[in-house]
Amino acid sequence: MGDRTVAIAAAAAATCCALTAAIAHAESYELDGVPARTAISVRSPFGAQWSTANEHEQRASLSLIKLYLADYALHHGDGSRADRDLAERMIRYSDDGAATTIAAKYPQAINAVAAEYHLADTHAANDWGAATTSTADVADFLDTKKRTEPASLIFEWMAAAGEIAVDGTEQDWGTSRLPFVLGTKWGWSDVGAPDVASASFGPGFTVAAHTHGSAAEQTADLLDALPRATRELLAAH
């Protein structure tokens, strides 16, 4: 076992202890020192929150909006097998065509889900790809789902996400690299400057991140913030 492997294992163990402490005390922690390009939000069903100061910044939702579209189709759609299949393709393979079909069929979906889950930073646009949300809203949405519908198909599909998206993008960065993650949804911009997002869930937590930058930059920002949060939490207890 190499030094890097040992270091990662030690960080994961320390994070587990820190997360337990946070959950036990239901406290909030602000993640300092994270580059402004990245927003991070972490939630637990017991009230603990870790976040950057910019977690409520409205940013391009990218393909994370497919979480909301899928939820609407599953709970307020016509109950068809076609809707279920499209929702699965959106979550597992980030299928833009599936999102376009669902958004056209249910144009009210994004704003309806925002209202249902009290997502104040989430707003629809003329095209689903132009909708906005925040890492706080995504983490809160997943947290609410974990508490109210832990057996949701959304979590099943996030846990079975394809290694490669429909457009050929590798789905392997950001929040998926954090310890104890069980499932992830990714998002990225196809045009202009790099812009990426990811959201994951694990035992007792949900996490979302958005970076005005590359997938590698998001992963680096998260893996740097994690031990910093761990040190802060351990010092506080």
Protein backbone atom coordinates (compact mmCIF):
# COMPACT_ATOMS: atom_id res chain seq x y z
CA MET A 1 0.00 0.00 0.00
CA GLY A 2 1.51 3.33 -1.11
CA ASP A 3 1.78 6.51 0.90
CA ARG A 4 -1.00 8.17 -1.11
CA THR A 5 -3.37 5.26 -0.45
CA VAL A 6 -2.62 5.40 3.26
CA ALA A 7 -3.20 9.15 3.30
CA ILE A 8 -6.57 8.81 1.53
CA ALA A 9 -7.65 6.05 3.91
CA ALA A 10 -6.66 8.14 6.92
CA ALA A 11 -8.55 11.15 5.57
CA ALA A 12 -11.62 9.02 5.00
CA ALA A 13 -11.51 7.66 8.55
CA ALA A 14 -11.08 11.15 9.98
CA THR A 15 -13.95 12.42 7.87
CA CYS A 16 -16.19 9.68 9.18
CA CYS A 17 -15.42 10.75 12.76
CA ALA A 18 -15.97 14.40 11.91
CA LEU A 19 -19.24 13.72 10.15
CA THR A 20 -20.46 11.73 13.16
CA ALA A 21 -19.65 14.68 15.41
CA ALA A 22 -21.44 17.12 13.12
CA ILE A 23 -24.54 14.95 12.94
CA ALA A 24 -24.60 14.48 16.69
CA HIS A 25 -24.55 18.24 17.30
CA ALA A 26 -26.62 19.30 14.24
CA GLU A 27 -24.28 22.20 13.55
CA SER A 28 -23.41 24.27 10.48
CA TYR A 29 -19.88 24.85 9.23
CA GLU A 30 -18.68 27.27 6.59
CA LEU A 31 -15.94 25.91 4.37
CA ASP A 32 -13.24 28.59 4.16
CA GLY A 33 -10.43 28.78 1.64
CA VAL A 34 -12.30 27.21 -1.28
CA PRO A 35 -11.67 29.10 -4.55
CA ALA A 36 -14.64 31.30 -5.50
CA ARG A 37 -14.98 29.31 -8.72
CA THR A 38 -16.46 26.45 -6.67
CA ALA A 39 -19.61 26.34 -4.55
CA ILE A 40 -20.12 23.38 -2.20
CA SER A 41 -23.09 22.30 -0.07
CA VAL A 42 -23.27 19.29 2.26
CA ARG A 43 -26.38 18.23 4.17
CA SER A 44 -27.31 15.53 6.67
CA PRO A 45 -30.84 14.45 7.64
CA PHE A 46 -30.01 15.45 11.23
CA GLY A 47 -29.52 19.12 10.38
CA ALA A 48 -25.74 19.31 9.97
CA GLN A 49 -24.60 21.55 7.12
CA TRP A 50 -21.20 22.25 5.58
CA SER A 51 -21.07 24.86 2.86
CA THR A 52 -19.12 27.57 1.11
CA ALA A 53 -20.37 31.13 1.49
CA ASN A 54 -21.54 31.12 -2.14
CA GLU A 55 -23.77 28.04 -1.88
CA HIS A 56 -26.90 30.08 -2.73
CA GLU A 57 -25.35 31.63 -5.83
CA GLN A 58 -27.63 30.99 -8.78
CA ARG A 59 -25.59 29.23 -11.46
CA ALA A 60 -26.31 27.30 -14.62
CA SER A 61 -28.00 24.10 -13.52
CA LEU A 62 -26.29 22.08 -16.24
CA SER A 63 -27.47 18.47 -16.15
CA LEU A 64 -28.23 18.53 -12.43
CA ILE A 65 -31.60 19.95 -13.50
CA LYS A 66 -32.36 16.44 -14.73
CA LEU A 67 -32.78 15.42 -11.08
CA TYR A 68 -35.78 17.76 -10.87
CA LEU A 69 -37.17 16.76 -14.26
CA ALA A 70 -36.93 13.08 -13.34
CA ASP A 71 -38.62 13.63 -9.98
CA TYR A 72 -41.52 15.45 -11.63
CA ALA A 73 -41.96 12.78 -14.27
CA LEU A 74 -41.96 10.04 -11.65
CA HIS A 75 -44.40 11.70 -9.26
CA HIS A 76 -46.56 14.00 -11.36
CA GLY A 77 -46.30 12.53 -14.85
CA ASP A 78 -48.69 10.18 -16.61
CA GLY A 79 -47.16 7.09 -15.02
CA SER A 80 -46.05 5.69 -18.34
CA ARG A 81 -43.16 3.32 -18.88
CA ALA A 82 -41.83 5.80 -21.41
CA ASP A 83 -41.53 8.52 -18.75
CA ARG A 84 -39.73 6.12 -16.42
CA ASP A 85 -37.29 5.07 -19.12
CA LEU A 86 -36.56 8.69 -20.06
CA ALA A 87 -36.02 9.59 -16.40
CA GLU A 88 -33.59 6.70 -16.00
CA ARG A 89 -31.61 7.77 -19.07
CA MET A 90 -31.40 11.32 -17.75
CA ILE A 91 -29.95 10.23 -14.42
CA ARG A 92 -27.73 7.32 -15.45
CA TYR A 93 -26.43 8.57 -18.79
CA SER A 94 -27.23 12.32 -18.70
CA ASP A 95 -29.25 11.97 -21.90
CA ASP A 96 -30.06 15.47 -23.23
CA GLY A 97 -32.61 14.09 -25.67
CA ALA A 98 -34.51 12.47 -22.82
CA ALA A 99 -34.46 15.76 -20.89
CA THR A 100 -35.75 17.65 -23.92
CA THR A 101 -38.63 15.20 -24.30
CA ILE A 102 -39.64 15.37 -20.63
CA ALA A 103 -39.28 19.17 -20.48
CA ALA A 104 -41.46 19.55 -23.58
CA LYS A 105 -44.08 17.19 -22.17
CA TYR A 106 -44.06 18.84 -18.73
CA PRO A 107 -42.97 22.49 -19.21
CA GLN A 108 -44.05 23.29 -15.66
CA ALA A 109 -41.81 20.62 -14.14
CA ILE A 110 -38.82 22.67 -12.99
CA ASN A 111 -40.79 25.46 -11.32
CA ALA A 112 -43.21 22.94 -9.81
CA VAL A 113 -40.38 20.95 -8.20
CA ALA A 114 -38.76 24.19 -7.00
CA ALA A 115 -42.02 25.14 -5.28
CA GLU A 116 -42.61 21.65 -3.86
CA TYR A 117 -39.14 21.38 -2.32
CA HIS A 118 -38.76 25.09 -1.44
CA LEU A 119 -35.80 25.59 -3.78
CA ALA A 120 -35.59 29.38 -3.77
CA ASP A 121 -32.55 29.57 -6.07
CA THR A 122 -34.02 27.39 -8.81
CA HIS A 123 -35.70 28.95 -11.85
CA ALA A 124 -36.83 27.58 -15.19
CA ALA A 125 -36.05 29.26 -18.51
CA ASN A 126 -37.24 28.92 -22.09
CA ASP A 127 -35.01 25.86 -22.44
CA TRP A 128 -34.25 23.33 -19.72
CA GLY A 129 -30.55 23.77 -20.39
CA ALA A 130 -30.77 27.45 -19.44
CA ALA A 131 -32.39 26.86 -16.04
CA THR A 132 -30.57 27.98 -12.91
CA THR A 133 -30.14 26.44 -9.48
CA SER A 134 -27.64 26.45 -6.61
CA THR A 135 -25.62 23.83 -4.80
CA ALA A 136 -27.73 24.57 -1.72
CA ASP A 137 -30.91 23.74 -3.61
CA VAL A 138 -29.50 20.53 -5.09
CA ALA A 139 -28.16 19.31 -1.74
CA ASP A 140 -31.44 20.24 0.00
CA PHE A 141 -33.46 18.48 -2.69
CA LEU A 142 -31.47 15.26 -2.32
CA ASP A 143 -31.56 15.54 1.47
CA THR A 144 -35.35 15.87 1.44
CA LYS A 145 -35.62 12.91 -0.91
CA LYS A 146 -33.42 10.82 1.39
CA ARG A 147 -35.67 11.64 4.36
CA THR A 148 -39.03 11.31 2.66
CA GLU A 149 -38.38 8.76 -0.10
CA PRO A 150 -35.19 6.82 0.60
CA ALA A 151 -36.17 4.14 -1.91
CA SER A 152 -36.55 6.66 -4.75
CA LEU A 153 -35.57 5.39 -8.18
CA ILE A 154 -33.45 8.52 -8.49
CA PHE A 155 -31.03 7.15 -5.89
CA GLU A 156 -31.07 3.72 -7.51
CA TRP A 157 -30.13 5.26 -10.85
CA MET A 158 -27.49 7.56 -9.37
CA ALA A 159 -25.90 4.48 -7.79
CA ALA A 160 -25.92 2.73 -11.18
CA ALA A 161 -24.71 5.68 -13.27
CA GLY A 162 -22.89 4.77 -16.45
CA GLU A 163 -19.15 5.30 -16.62
CA ILE A 164 -19.69 7.11 -19.94
CA ALA A 165 -22.55 9.53 -20.68
CA VAL A 166 -24.53 9.48 -23.91
CA ASP A 167 -22.28 12.19 -25.38
CA GLY A 168 -19.11 10.27 -24.53
CA THR A 169 -18.18 12.24 -21.38
CA GLU A 170 -16.57 10.23 -18.58
CA GLN A 171 -18.64 10.47 -15.41
CA ASP A 172 -15.99 10.18 -12.72
CA TRP A 173 -15.15 13.51 -11.07
CA GLY A 174 -16.12 15.86 -8.29
CA THR A 175 -18.36 14.68 -5.46
CA SER A 176 -18.12 11.08 -6.69
CA ARG A 177 -14.50 11.06 -5.45
CA LEU A 178 -15.48 11.75 -1.83
CA PRO A 179 -15.37 8.95 0.74
CA PHE A 180 -18.52 6.89 1.31
CA VAL A 181 -20.36 8.17 -1.77
CA LEU A 182 -22.93 5.68 -3.08
CA GLY A 183 -24.30 7.46 -6.13
CA THR A 184 -23.74 10.58 -8.23
CA LYS A 185 -25.26 12.82 -10.92
CA TRP A 186 -22.91 14.95 -13.01
CA GLY A 187 -23.35 18.00 -15.23
CA TRP A 188 -21.12 19.91 -17.65
CA SER A 189 -21.28 22.62 -20.25
CA ASP A 190 -20.96 21.64 -23.91
CA VAL A 191 -20.07 25.16 -25.10
CA GLY A 192 -17.94 28.07 -23.94
CA ALA A 193 -15.67 28.05 -20.90
CA PRO A 194 -15.55 24.87 -18.80
CA ASP A 195 -18.37 24.67 -16.26
CA VAL A 196 -19.06 21.49 -14.28
CA ALA A 197 -21.29 20.25 -11.49
CA SER A 198 -21.80 17.07 -9.50
CA ALA A 199 -24.09 15.87 -6.73
CA SER A 200 -23.85 12.73 -4.64
CA PHE A 201 -25.38 10.90 -1.71
CA GLY A 202 -23.96 8.56 0.88
CA PRO A 203 -24.89 7.11 4.26
CA GLY A 204 -26.14 10.12 6.23
CA PHE A 205 -25.25 12.90 3.78
CA THR A 206 -25.88 14.57 0.45
CA VAL A 207 -23.41 16.87 -1.30
CA ALA A 208 -23.45 19.14 -4.35
CA ALA A 209 -20.72 21.17 -6.04
CA HIS A 210 -20.49 23.53 -9.00
CA THR A 211 -17.26 24.84 -10.49
CA HIS A 212 -16.60 27.53 -13.06
CA GLY A 213 -13.73 25.43 -14.34
CA SER A 214 -12.76 21.90 -15.28
CA ALA A 215 -13.70 18.54 -13.79
CA ALA A 216 -10.15 18.21 -12.46
CA GLU A 217 -10.40 21.62 -10.77
CA GLN A 218 -13.65 20.66 -9.08
CA THR A 219 -12.19 17.41 -7.81
CA ALA A 220 -9.12 19.24 -6.49
CA ASP A 221 -11.24 21.88 -4.74
CA LEU A 222 -13.39 19.23 -3.06
CA LEU A 223 -10.52 17.03 -1.97
CA ASP A 224 -8.77 20.08 -0.53
CA ALA A 225 -11.91 21.28 1.28
CA LEU A 226 -12.63 17.87 2.81
CA PRO A 227 -9.61 17.61 5.15
CA ARG A 228 -10.00 21.30 6.03
CA ALA A 229 -13.60 20.69 7.12
CA THR A 230 -12.49 17.60 9.00
CA ARG A 231 -9.86 19.55 10.94
CA GLU A 232 -12.37 22.29 11.78
CA LEU A 233 -14.98 19.82 12.97
CA LEU A 234 -12.54 17.82 15.04
CA ALA A 235 -11.14 20.99 16.59
CA ALA A 236 -14.65 22.11 17.50
CA HIS A 237 -15.33 18.88 19.35
